[in-house]
Amino acid sequence: MAELQEVQITEEKPLLPGQTPEAAKEAELAARILLDQGQTHSVETPYGSVTFTVYGTPKPKRPAILTYHDVGLNYKSCFQPLFQFEDMQEIIQNFVRVHVDAPGMEEGAPVFPLGYQYPSLDQLADMIPCVLQYLNFSTIIGVGVGAGAYILARYALNHPDTVEGLVLINIDPNAKGWMDWAAHKLTGLTSSIP
């Protein structure tokens, strides 16, 4: 197997011929701003639509970092401070990030329709393969907090070949019961509204 060798680059050349250094810096700044905004997508699953936001560019043979938030949060309120931390910059430059928002938790989410049946935690975990298939990603490193940690753990148990690692924070084995109870109550409220 060939070893990696370090190559020294002695001269800087613009990617586009005739581009001034100032224009190149402006283009780099615009690209960074665009990457910092992320691209939001929605995909239909057997249990309803799920929204997720992708930051960065996929790197060959590297897993995506897939995050799942806790109850009552969305990806921004749960993970934005972590990924804006200075020490995380090297990681975010080398991995694409996929932030999944549970149904109804994304910013500007509409009110659930009358009689909406909220997915169980197991069903939320079963939505993840649809996201990965949509993005054509084969492996992930999962980062989950609270109920999101439970969802990613359940996903990893069902799809171990697609998970290269997990970071599970405040995982609660009783979360399933509490989350399902809350989903049941939420469903009951939406179906009883005239």
N, C-alpha and C. Protein backbone atom coordinates (compact mmCIF):
# COMPACT_ATOMS: atom_id res chain seq x y z
N MET A 1 0.85 -1.18 0.00
CA MET A 1 0.00 0.00 0.00
C MET A 1 0.89 1.24 0.00
N ALA A 2 0.58 2.20 -0.84
CA ALA A 2 1.39 3.41 -0.97
C ALA A 2 1.23 4.29 0.26
N GLU A 3 2.32 4.91 0.66
CA GLU A 3 2.28 5.82 1.80
C GLU A 3 1.95 7.23 1.32
N LEU A 4 1.35 8.00 2.20
CA LEU A 4 1.08 9.40 1.88
C LEU A 4 2.37 10.17 1.99
N GLN A 5 2.58 11.06 1.06
CA GLN A 5 3.78 11.88 1.08
C GLN A 5 3.37 13.34 1.15
N GLU A 6 4.14 14.11 1.89
CA GLU A 6 3.86 15.53 2.00
C GLU A 6 4.46 16.23 0.80
N VAL A 7 3.67 17.11 0.19
CA VAL A 7 4.12 17.85 -0.99
C VAL A 7 4.16 19.32 -0.63
N GLN A 8 5.25 19.97 -0.92
CA GLN A 8 5.39 21.39 -0.67
C GLN A 8 4.97 22.17 -1.91
N ILE A 9 4.07 23.13 -1.73
CA ILE A 9 3.65 23.99 -2.83
C ILE A 9 4.42 25.29 -2.69
N THR A 10 5.18 25.61 -3.72
CA THR A 10 6.06 26.76 -3.62
C THR A 10 5.46 28.03 -4.20
N GLU A 11 4.46 27.89 -5.03
CA GLU A 11 3.92 29.09 -5.66
C GLU A 11 2.39 29.04 -5.62
N GLU A 12 1.78 30.18 -5.36
CA GLU A 12 0.33 30.26 -5.34
C GLU A 12 -0.15 30.72 -6.70
N LYS A 13 -1.14 30.02 -7.24
CA LYS A 13 -1.74 30.41 -8.51
C LYS A 13 -3.24 30.51 -8.31
N PRO A 14 -3.87 31.51 -8.91
CA PRO A 14 -5.32 31.61 -8.78
C PRO A 14 -6.00 30.45 -9.51
N LEU A 15 -7.15 30.03 -8.99
CA LEU A 15 -7.88 28.95 -9.64
C LEU A 15 -8.42 29.39 -10.99
N LEU A 16 -8.80 30.65 -11.09
CA LEU A 16 -9.30 31.17 -12.35
C LEU A 16 -8.25 32.09 -12.95
N PRO A 17 -7.81 31.82 -14.18
CA PRO A 17 -6.79 32.68 -14.79
C PRO A 17 -7.29 34.13 -14.88
N GLY A 18 -6.40 35.06 -14.60
CA GLY A 18 -6.74 36.47 -14.70
C GLY A 18 -7.45 37.02 -13.48
N GLN A 19 -7.67 36.19 -12.47
CA GLN A 19 -8.37 36.65 -11.27
C GLN A 19 -7.37 37.33 -10.35
N THR A 20 -7.74 38.51 -9.87
CA THR A 20 -6.86 39.24 -8.97
C THR A 20 -6.94 38.63 -7.58
N PRO A 21 -5.91 38.81 -6.76
CA PRO A 21 -5.97 38.30 -5.38
C PRO A 21 -7.15 38.86 -4.59
N GLU A 22 -7.52 40.12 -4.84
CA GLU A 22 -8.65 40.72 -4.15
C GLU A 22 -9.96 40.02 -4.53
N ALA A 23 -10.12 39.74 -5.81
CA ALA A 23 -11.33 39.05 -6.28
C ALA A 23 -11.38 37.63 -5.73
N ALA A 24 -10.23 37.00 -5.64
CA ALA A 24 -10.18 35.63 -5.09
C ALA A 24 -10.59 35.64 -3.62
N LYS A 25 -10.12 36.64 -2.86
CA LYS A 25 -10.50 36.73 -1.44
C LYS A 25 -11.99 37.00 -1.30
N GLU A 26 -12.55 37.85 -2.16
CA GLU A 26 -13.99 38.12 -2.11
C GLU A 26 -14.79 36.86 -2.43
N ALA A 27 -14.33 36.10 -3.42
CA ALA A 27 -15.02 34.85 -3.79
C ALA A 27 -14.94 33.84 -2.64
N GLU A 28 -13.78 33.76 -1.98
CA GLU A 28 -13.63 32.84 -0.85
C GLU A 28 -14.56 33.25 0.29
N LEU A 29 -14.66 34.55 0.56
CA LEU A 29 -15.55 35.04 1.61
C LEU A 29 -17.01 34.72 1.28
N ALA A 30 -17.39 34.94 0.03
CA ALA A 30 -18.77 34.63 -0.39
C ALA A 30 -19.06 33.15 -0.24
N ALA A 31 -18.09 32.30 -0.60
CA ALA A 31 -18.27 30.85 -0.46
C ALA A 31 -18.41 30.46 1.01
N ARG A 32 -17.61 31.06 1.88
CA ARG A 32 -17.72 30.74 3.31
C ARG A 32 -19.08 31.16 3.87
N ILE A 33 -19.57 32.34 3.44
CA ILE A 33 -20.88 32.79 3.91
C ILE A 33 -21.95 31.82 3.44
N LEU A 34 -21.87 31.40 2.17
CA LEU A 34 -22.85 30.45 1.64
C LEU A 34 -22.80 29.13 2.40
N LEU A 35 -21.60 28.62 2.68
CA LEU A 35 -21.47 27.37 3.42
C LEU A 35 -21.97 27.52 4.85
N ASP A 36 -21.79 28.70 5.46
CA ASP A 36 -22.25 28.92 6.82
C ASP A 36 -23.77 28.96 6.91
N GLN A 37 -24.45 29.29 5.80
CA GLN A 37 -25.90 29.34 5.81
C GLN A 37 -26.52 27.96 5.72
N GLY A 38 -25.86 27.06 5.09
CA GLY A 38 -26.40 25.71 4.94
C GLY A 38 -27.52 25.66 3.92
N GLN A 39 -27.84 24.45 3.51
CA GLN A 39 -28.93 24.23 2.55
C GLN A 39 -29.97 23.36 3.23
N THR A 40 -31.19 23.85 3.30
CA THR A 40 -32.27 23.13 3.96
C THR A 40 -33.06 22.32 2.94
N HIS A 41 -33.34 21.08 3.30
CA HIS A 41 -34.08 20.16 2.44
C HIS A 41 -35.18 19.50 3.26
N SER A 42 -36.19 19.00 2.57
CA SER A 42 -37.22 18.15 3.19
C SER A 42 -37.36 16.91 2.34
N VAL A 43 -37.60 15.79 3.01
CA VAL A 43 -37.79 14.54 2.29
C VAL A 43 -38.98 13.82 2.91
N GLU A 44 -39.77 13.20 2.05
CA GLU A 44 -40.91 12.41 2.52
C GLU A 44 -40.42 11.04 2.97
N THR A 45 -40.97 10.59 4.08
CA THR A 45 -40.65 9.27 4.63
C THR A 45 -41.97 8.53 4.85
N PRO A 46 -41.91 7.25 5.17
CA PRO A 46 -43.17 6.54 5.47
C PRO A 46 -43.93 7.13 6.67
N TYR A 47 -43.26 7.97 7.48
CA TYR A 47 -43.89 8.52 8.68
C TYR A 47 -44.10 10.03 8.57
N GLY A 48 -44.00 10.57 7.39
CA GLY A 48 -44.19 12.01 7.19
C GLY A 48 -42.91 12.67 6.70
N SER A 49 -42.98 13.96 6.58
CA SER A 49 -41.86 14.74 6.07
C SER A 49 -40.86 15.05 7.18
N VAL A 50 -39.58 15.05 6.83
CA VAL A 50 -38.54 15.43 7.78
C VAL A 50 -37.65 16.49 7.11
N THR A 51 -37.28 17.50 7.88
CA THR A 51 -36.46 18.60 7.38
C THR A 51 -35.05 18.47 7.95
N PHE A 52 -34.06 18.76 7.11
CA PHE A 52 -32.67 18.71 7.56
C PHE A 52 -31.88 19.77 6.82
N THR A 53 -30.80 20.21 7.43
CA THR A 53 -29.95 21.25 6.86
C THR A 53 -28.54 20.70 6.72
N VAL A 54 -27.95 20.93 5.55
CA VAL A 54 -26.62 20.42 5.24
C VAL A 54 -25.64 21.59 5.18
N TYR A 55 -24.54 21.44 5.92
CA TYR A 55 -23.46 22.43 5.90
C TYR A 55 -22.20 21.75 5.39
N GLY A 56 -21.47 22.44 4.53
CA GLY A 56 -20.20 21.91 4.04
C GLY A 56 -20.36 21.08 2.78
N THR A 57 -19.22 20.59 2.33
CA THR A 57 -19.16 19.79 1.12
C THR A 57 -18.73 18.38 1.48
N PRO A 58 -19.42 17.37 0.96
CA PRO A 58 -19.01 15.99 1.26
C PRO A 58 -17.57 15.73 0.82
N LYS A 59 -16.85 15.04 1.66
CA LYS A 59 -15.46 14.66 1.36
C LYS A 59 -15.44 13.17 1.03
N PRO A 60 -14.68 12.80 0.02
CA PRO A 60 -14.63 11.38 -0.35
C PRO A 60 -14.16 10.50 0.82
N LYS A 61 -14.83 9.39 1.00
CA LYS A 61 -14.48 8.37 2.00
C LYS A 61 -14.50 8.89 3.43
N ARG A 62 -15.26 9.95 3.68
CA ARG A 62 -15.44 10.45 5.05
C ARG A 62 -16.91 10.40 5.39
N PRO A 63 -17.23 10.02 6.61
CA PRO A 63 -18.64 10.01 7.01
C PRO A 63 -19.16 11.43 7.19
N ALA A 64 -20.45 11.57 7.11
CA ALA A 64 -21.09 12.84 7.45
C ALA A 64 -21.31 12.86 8.96
N ILE A 65 -21.27 14.05 9.55
CA ILE A 65 -21.67 14.20 10.94
C ILE A 65 -23.16 14.50 10.92
N LEU A 66 -23.95 13.62 11.53
CA LEU A 66 -25.41 13.79 11.55
C LEU A 66 -25.83 14.08 12.98
N THR A 67 -26.52 15.20 13.18
CA THR A 67 -26.95 15.58 14.53
C THR A 67 -28.45 15.42 14.67
N TYR A 68 -28.87 15.12 15.90
CA TYR A 68 -30.30 15.06 16.23
C TYR A 68 -30.49 15.70 17.60
N HIS A 69 -31.37 16.66 17.68
CA HIS A 69 -31.58 17.50 18.87
C HIS A 69 -32.49 16.83 19.90
N ASP A 70 -32.62 17.48 21.04
CA ASP A 70 -33.49 17.02 22.13
C ASP A 70 -34.90 17.58 21.95
N VAL A 71 -35.80 17.13 22.80
CA VAL A 71 -37.20 17.56 22.78
C VAL A 71 -37.30 19.07 23.00
N GLY A 72 -38.14 19.73 22.23
CA GLY A 72 -38.39 21.15 22.40
C GLY A 72 -37.33 22.05 21.79
N LEU A 73 -36.34 21.48 21.13
CA LEU A 73 -35.28 22.26 20.50
C LEU A 73 -35.30 21.99 19.00
N ASN A 74 -34.48 22.73 18.27
CA ASN A 74 -34.20 22.39 16.88
C ASN A 74 -32.68 22.36 16.74
N TYR A 75 -32.19 22.10 15.53
CA TYR A 75 -30.73 21.94 15.42
C TYR A 75 -29.98 23.21 15.77
N LYS A 76 -30.56 24.37 15.46
CA LYS A 76 -29.85 25.62 15.75
C LYS A 76 -29.73 25.85 17.25
N SER A 77 -30.83 25.69 17.97
CA SER A 77 -30.79 25.95 19.41
C SER A 77 -29.97 24.91 20.16
N CYS A 78 -29.83 23.72 19.59
CA CYS A 78 -29.11 22.65 20.27
C CYS A 78 -27.63 22.59 19.89
N PHE A 79 -27.31 22.77 18.60
CA PHE A 79 -25.94 22.50 18.14
C PHE A 79 -25.18 23.71 17.61
N GLN A 80 -25.84 24.82 17.32
CA GLN A 80 -25.13 25.95 16.74
C GLN A 80 -23.98 26.44 17.63
N PRO A 81 -24.18 26.58 18.96
CA PRO A 81 -23.05 27.03 19.79
C PRO A 81 -21.85 26.08 19.72
N LEU A 82 -22.10 24.78 19.66
CA LEU A 82 -21.01 23.81 19.57
C LEU A 82 -20.22 23.98 18.29
N PHE A 83 -20.91 24.08 17.16
CA PHE A 83 -20.21 24.15 15.89
C PHE A 83 -19.65 25.53 15.59
N GLN A 84 -20.02 26.55 16.34
CA GLN A 84 -19.41 27.86 16.19
C GLN A 84 -18.19 28.03 17.09
N PHE A 85 -17.98 27.09 17.99
CA PHE A 85 -16.85 27.15 18.90
C PHE A 85 -15.55 27.08 18.10
N GLU A 86 -14.58 27.88 18.48
CA GLU A 86 -13.32 28.01 17.73
C GLU A 86 -12.62 26.67 17.52
N ASP A 87 -12.59 25.83 18.53
CA ASP A 87 -11.90 24.54 18.41
C ASP A 87 -12.58 23.57 17.46
N MET A 88 -13.82 23.84 17.08
CA MET A 88 -14.55 22.96 16.16
C MET A 88 -14.31 23.30 14.70
N GLN A 89 -13.62 24.40 14.42
CA GLN A 89 -13.47 24.86 13.05
C GLN A 89 -12.73 23.84 12.17
N GLU A 90 -11.75 23.18 12.71
CA GLU A 90 -11.03 22.18 11.91
C GLU A 90 -11.95 21.01 11.55
N ILE A 91 -12.79 20.64 12.48
CA ILE A 91 -13.73 19.53 12.21
C ILE A 91 -14.73 19.94 11.14
N ILE A 92 -15.31 21.14 11.25
CA ILE A 92 -16.34 21.51 10.28
C ILE A 92 -15.75 21.78 8.90
N GLN A 93 -14.46 22.04 8.82
CA GLN A 93 -13.83 22.20 7.51
C GLN A 93 -13.57 20.85 6.84
N ASN A 94 -13.56 19.78 7.61
CA ASN A 94 -13.21 18.48 7.06
C ASN A 94 -14.36 17.48 6.99
N PHE A 95 -15.54 17.85 7.49
CA PHE A 95 -16.68 16.95 7.46
C PHE A 95 -17.94 17.72 7.05
N VAL A 96 -18.76 17.10 6.26
CA VAL A 96 -20.08 17.65 5.97
C VAL A 96 -20.97 17.37 7.17
N ARG A 97 -21.84 18.32 7.52
CA ARG A 97 -22.75 18.16 8.66
C ARG A 97 -24.18 18.13 8.16
N VAL A 98 -24.95 17.20 8.72
CA VAL A 98 -26.37 17.09 8.42
C VAL A 98 -27.11 17.24 9.75
N HIS A 99 -27.88 18.31 9.87
CA HIS A 99 -28.63 18.57 11.09
C HIS A 99 -30.09 18.23 10.83
N VAL A 100 -30.59 17.19 11.49
CA VAL A 100 -31.97 16.76 11.31
C VAL A 100 -32.85 17.46 12.35
N ASP A 101 -33.96 18.00 11.88
CA ASP A 101 -34.96 18.57 12.78
C ASP A 101 -36.14 17.62 12.84
N ALA A 102 -36.56 17.26 14.04
CA ALA A 102 -37.75 16.43 14.20
C ALA A 102 -38.95 17.17 13.60
N PRO A 103 -39.95 16.44 13.11
CA PRO A 103 -41.12 17.10 12.52
C PRO A 103 -41.72 18.15 13.45
N GLY A 104 -41.97 19.33 12.88
CA GLY A 104 -42.57 20.43 13.64
C GLY A 104 -41.59 21.23 14.46
N MET A 105 -40.31 20.88 14.49
CA MET A 105 -39.33 21.58 15.30
C MET A 105 -38.48 22.56 14.48
N GLU A 106 -38.55 22.47 13.15
CA GLU A 106 -37.76 23.37 12.32
C GLU A 106 -38.29 24.79 12.44
N GLU A 107 -37.44 25.77 12.16
CA GLU A 107 -37.84 27.17 12.24
C GLU A 107 -38.98 27.43 11.25
N GLY A 108 -40.01 28.13 11.72
CA GLY A 108 -41.13 28.46 10.85
C GLY A 108 -42.03 27.29 10.53
N ALA A 109 -41.97 26.24 11.34
CA ALA A 109 -42.79 25.05 11.08
C ALA A 109 -44.27 25.40 11.19
N PRO A 110 -45.08 24.88 10.27
CA PRO A 110 -46.52 25.13 10.36
C PRO A 110 -47.14 24.32 11.51
N VAL A 111 -48.32 24.72 11.90
CA VAL A 111 -49.06 24.00 12.94
C VAL A 111 -49.48 22.65 12.36
N PHE A 112 -49.43 21.60 13.18
CA PHE A 112 -49.84 20.29 12.70
C PHE A 112 -51.33 20.31 12.34
N PRO A 113 -51.68 19.60 11.28
CA PRO A 113 -53.10 19.56 10.90
C PRO A 113 -53.92 18.78 11.93
N LEU A 114 -55.20 19.01 11.90
CA LEU A 114 -56.14 18.34 12.79
C LEU A 114 -56.00 16.83 12.66
N GLY A 115 -55.82 16.14 13.79
CA GLY A 115 -55.71 14.68 13.78
C GLY A 115 -54.31 14.15 13.45
N TYR A 116 -53.32 15.03 13.39
CA TYR A 116 -51.95 14.58 13.05
C TYR A 116 -51.44 13.58 14.09
N GLN A 117 -50.87 12.50 13.63
CA GLN A 117 -50.29 11.48 14.51
C GLN A 117 -48.78 11.66 14.51
N TYR A 118 -48.21 12.17 15.62
CA TYR A 118 -46.76 12.41 15.69
C TYR A 118 -46.03 11.07 15.71
N PRO A 119 -44.92 10.96 14.97
CA PRO A 119 -44.17 9.69 14.93
C PRO A 119 -43.58 9.34 16.30
N SER A 120 -43.47 8.04 16.56
CA SER A 120 -42.80 7.57 17.78
C SER A 120 -41.30 7.77 17.62
N LEU A 121 -40.55 7.57 18.69
CA LEU A 121 -39.08 7.69 18.61
C LEU A 121 -38.51 6.67 17.63
N ASP A 122 -39.04 5.46 17.64
CA ASP A 122 -38.57 4.45 16.70
C ASP A 122 -38.86 4.86 15.26
N GLN A 123 -40.01 5.47 15.03
CA GLN A 123 -40.34 5.94 13.69
C GLN A 123 -39.44 7.12 13.29
N LEU A 124 -39.11 7.98 14.24
CA LEU A 124 -38.17 9.07 13.94
C LEU A 124 -36.81 8.51 13.54
N ALA A 125 -36.38 7.43 14.21
CA ALA A 125 -35.12 6.78 13.84
C ALA A 125 -35.21 6.17 12.45
N ASP A 126 -36.39 5.66 12.10
CA ASP A 126 -36.58 5.05 10.78
C ASP A 126 -36.64 6.08 9.66
N MET A 127 -36.72 7.37 9.99
CA MET A 127 -36.69 8.42 8.98
C MET A 127 -35.27 8.71 8.49
N ILE A 128 -34.28 8.39 9.31
CA ILE A 128 -32.88 8.74 8.99
C ILE A 128 -32.40 8.08 7.70
N PRO A 129 -32.70 6.80 7.42
CA PRO A 129 -32.25 6.23 6.15
C PRO A 129 -32.76 6.99 4.93
N CYS A 130 -33.95 7.58 5.01
CA CYS A 130 -34.48 8.36 3.90
C CYS A 130 -33.62 9.61 3.66
N VAL A 131 -33.16 10.23 4.75
CA VAL A 131 -32.29 11.40 4.65
C VAL A 131 -30.97 11.00 3.99
N LEU A 132 -30.37 9.91 4.46
CA LEU A 132 -29.08 9.47 3.91
C LEU A 132 -29.21 9.06 2.45
N GLN A 133 -30.31 8.40 2.11
CA GLN A 133 -30.54 8.01 0.72
C GLN A 133 -30.70 9.24 -0.17
N TYR A 134 -31.45 10.23 0.30
CA TYR A 134 -31.65 11.48 -0.45
C TYR A 134 -30.31 12.15 -0.74
N LEU A 135 -29.42 12.15 0.25
CA LEU A 135 -28.11 12.80 0.11
C LEU A 135 -27.06 11.90 -0.51
N ASN A 136 -27.38 10.62 -0.67
CA ASN A 136 -26.44 9.64 -1.19
C ASN A 136 -25.22 9.49 -0.28
N PHE A 137 -25.45 9.49 1.03
CA PHE A 137 -24.40 9.28 2.02
C PHE A 137 -24.48 7.84 2.50
N SER A 138 -23.32 7.23 2.71
CA SER A 138 -23.33 5.82 3.12
C SER A 138 -23.03 5.64 4.61
N THR A 139 -22.26 6.55 5.22
CA THR A 139 -21.93 6.39 6.64
C THR A 139 -22.02 7.73 7.35
N ILE A 140 -22.24 7.62 8.69
CA ILE A 140 -22.35 8.83 9.51
C ILE A 140 -21.58 8.66 10.81
N ILE A 141 -21.32 9.78 11.43
CA ILE A 141 -20.95 9.86 12.84
C ILE A 141 -22.12 10.61 13.47
N GLY A 142 -22.85 9.96 14.35
CA GLY A 142 -24.04 10.55 14.94
C GLY A 142 -23.72 11.32 16.21
N VAL A 143 -24.33 12.51 16.35
CA VAL A 143 -24.20 13.32 17.56
C VAL A 143 -25.62 13.64 18.01
N GLY A 144 -26.01 13.12 19.16
CA GLY A 144 -27.38 13.32 19.63
C GLY A 144 -27.42 13.75 21.08
N VAL A 145 -28.45 14.54 21.42
CA VAL A 145 -28.65 15.02 22.78
C VAL A 145 -30.05 14.60 23.22
N GLY A 146 -30.16 14.03 24.42
CA GLY A 146 -31.45 13.67 25.00
C GLY A 146 -32.22 12.70 24.13
N ALA A 147 -33.43 13.08 23.72
CA ALA A 147 -34.24 12.22 22.85
C ALA A 147 -33.53 11.97 21.54
N GLY A 148 -32.77 12.96 21.05
CA GLY A 148 -31.99 12.78 19.82
C GLY A 148 -30.93 11.71 19.98
N ALA A 149 -30.37 11.59 21.18
CA ALA A 149 -29.39 10.53 21.45
C ALA A 149 -30.07 9.17 21.39
N TYR A 150 -31.28 9.08 21.95
CA TYR A 150 -32.03 7.82 21.89
C TYR A 150 -32.34 7.46 20.44
N ILE A 151 -32.78 8.44 19.65
CA ILE A 151 -33.12 8.20 18.24
C ILE A 151 -31.91 7.69 17.48
N LEU A 152 -30.74 8.30 17.70
CA LEU A 152 -29.53 7.86 17.00
C LEU A 152 -29.07 6.49 17.49
N ALA A 153 -29.23 6.21 18.77
CA ALA A 153 -28.87 4.88 19.29
C ALA A 153 -29.76 3.82 18.66
N ARG A 154 -31.05 4.09 18.56
CA ARG A 154 -31.98 3.17 17.92
C ARG A 154 -31.62 2.97 16.44
N TYR A 155 -31.29 4.08 15.76
CA TYR A 155 -30.87 4.00 14.36
C TYR A 155 -29.62 3.11 14.23
N ALA A 156 -28.65 3.32 15.12
CA ALA A 156 -27.40 2.54 15.07
C ALA A 156 -27.65 1.05 15.30
N LEU A 157 -28.58 0.73 16.19
CA LEU A 157 -28.91 -0.68 16.42
C LEU A 157 -29.54 -1.32 15.18
N ASN A 158 -30.34 -0.54 14.46
CA ASN A 158 -31.02 -1.06 13.27
C ASN A 158 -30.15 -1.03 12.01
N HIS A 159 -29.15 -0.15 11.98
CA HIS A 159 -28.31 0.04 10.78
C HIS A 159 -26.83 0.17 11.18
N PRO A 160 -26.26 -0.85 11.82
CA PRO A 160 -24.89 -0.71 12.33
C PRO A 160 -23.83 -0.49 11.26
N ASP A 161 -24.06 -0.96 10.05
CA ASP A 161 -23.06 -0.81 8.99
C ASP A 161 -22.92 0.63 8.50
N THR A 162 -23.89 1.48 8.81
CA THR A 162 -23.84 2.87 8.34
C THR A 162 -23.32 3.83 9.40
N VAL A 163 -23.02 3.34 10.59
CA VAL A 163 -22.60 4.20 11.70
C VAL A 163 -21.13 3.94 12.03
N GLU A 164 -20.32 4.98 11.86
CA GLU A 164 -18.90 4.86 12.19
C GLU A 164 -18.61 5.29 13.62
N GLY A 165 -19.52 6.02 14.22
CA GLY A 165 -19.33 6.44 15.60
C GLY A 165 -20.55 7.18 16.11
N LEU A 166 -20.67 7.24 17.42
CA LEU A 166 -21.78 7.95 18.05
C LEU A 166 -21.25 8.79 19.21
N VAL A 167 -21.78 9.98 19.35
CA VAL A 167 -21.58 10.81 20.52
C VAL A 167 -22.98 11.05 21.07
N LEU A 168 -23.28 10.40 22.19
CA LEU A 168 -24.62 10.46 22.76
C LEU A 168 -24.56 11.18 24.10
N ILE A 169 -25.23 12.30 24.19
CA ILE A 169 -25.19 13.15 25.37
C ILE A 169 -26.53 13.09 26.08
N ASN A 170 -26.50 12.79 27.38
CA ASN A 170 -27.70 12.77 28.20
C ASN A 170 -28.75 11.81 27.64
N ILE A 171 -28.29 10.65 27.22
CA ILE A 171 -29.23 9.66 26.71
C ILE A 171 -29.98 9.06 27.89
N ASP A 172 -31.26 8.92 27.75
CA ASP A 172 -32.11 8.42 28.83
C ASP A 172 -32.89 7.23 28.31
N PRO A 173 -32.65 6.05 28.85
CA PRO A 173 -33.38 4.89 28.35
C PRO A 173 -34.89 5.01 28.57
N ASN A 174 -35.32 5.88 29.49
CA ASN A 174 -36.74 6.10 29.71
C ASN A 174 -37.31 7.17 28.77
N ALA A 175 -36.44 7.78 27.96
CA ALA A 175 -36.89 8.86 27.08
C ALA A 175 -37.98 8.38 26.14
N LYS A 176 -37.88 7.13 25.70
CA LYS A 176 -38.88 6.62 24.77
C LYS A 176 -40.27 6.74 25.38
N GLY A 177 -40.42 6.31 26.60
CA GLY A 177 -41.73 6.39 27.23
C GLY A 177 -42.22 7.82 27.37
N TRP A 178 -41.35 8.73 27.79
CA TRP A 178 -41.74 10.12 27.96
C TRP A 178 -42.06 10.77 26.62
N MET A 179 -41.22 10.53 25.61
CA MET A 179 -41.44 11.15 24.31
C MET A 179 -42.71 10.61 23.67
N ASP A 180 -42.92 9.31 23.76
CA ASP A 180 -44.13 8.74 23.19
C ASP A 180 -45.37 9.26 23.92
N TRP A 181 -45.26 9.42 25.26
CA TRP A 181 -46.37 9.99 26.02
C TRP A 181 -46.66 11.41 25.53
N ALA A 182 -45.61 12.23 25.36
CA ALA A 182 -45.79 13.61 24.91
C ALA A 182 -46.37 13.63 23.49
N ALA A 183 -45.90 12.74 22.62
CA ALA A 183 -46.43 12.69 21.26
C ALA A 183 -47.90 12.31 21.28
N HIS A 184 -48.26 11.37 22.14
CA HIS A 184 -49.65 10.94 22.25
C HIS A 184 -50.53 12.11 22.73
N LYS A 185 -50.02 12.84 23.73
CA LYS A 185 -50.77 13.99 24.26
C LYS A 185 -50.92 15.07 23.18
N LEU A 186 -49.82 15.33 22.43
CA LEU A 186 -49.85 16.32 21.38
C LEU A 186 -50.84 15.92 20.30
N THR A 187 -50.85 14.66 19.94
CA THR A 187 -51.79 14.17 18.94
C THR A 187 -53.22 14.33 19.44
N GLY A 188 -53.44 14.03 20.72
CA GLY A 188 -54.77 14.19 21.30
C GLY A 188 -55.23 15.64 21.28
N LEU A 189 -54.30 16.57 21.51
CA LEU A 189 -54.67 17.99 21.50
C LEU A 189 -55.04 18.45 20.10
N THR A 190 -54.26 18.02 19.09
CA THR A 190 -54.56 18.47 17.73
C THR A 190 -55.85 17.88 17.20
N SER A 191 -56.21 16.68 17.68
CA SER A 191 -57.45 16.08 17.17
C SER A 191 -58.69 16.61 17.90
N SER A 192 -58.51 17.24 19.08
CA SER A 192 -59.67 17.73 19.83
C SER A 192 -59.96 19.21 19.58
N ILE A 193 -59.10 19.88 18.82
CA ILE A 193 -59.32 21.30 18.53
C ILE A 193 -60.42 21.42 17.48
N PRO A 194 -61.45 22.22 17.73
CA PRO A 194 -62.56 22.32 16.76
C PRO A 194 -62.17 23.08 15.51
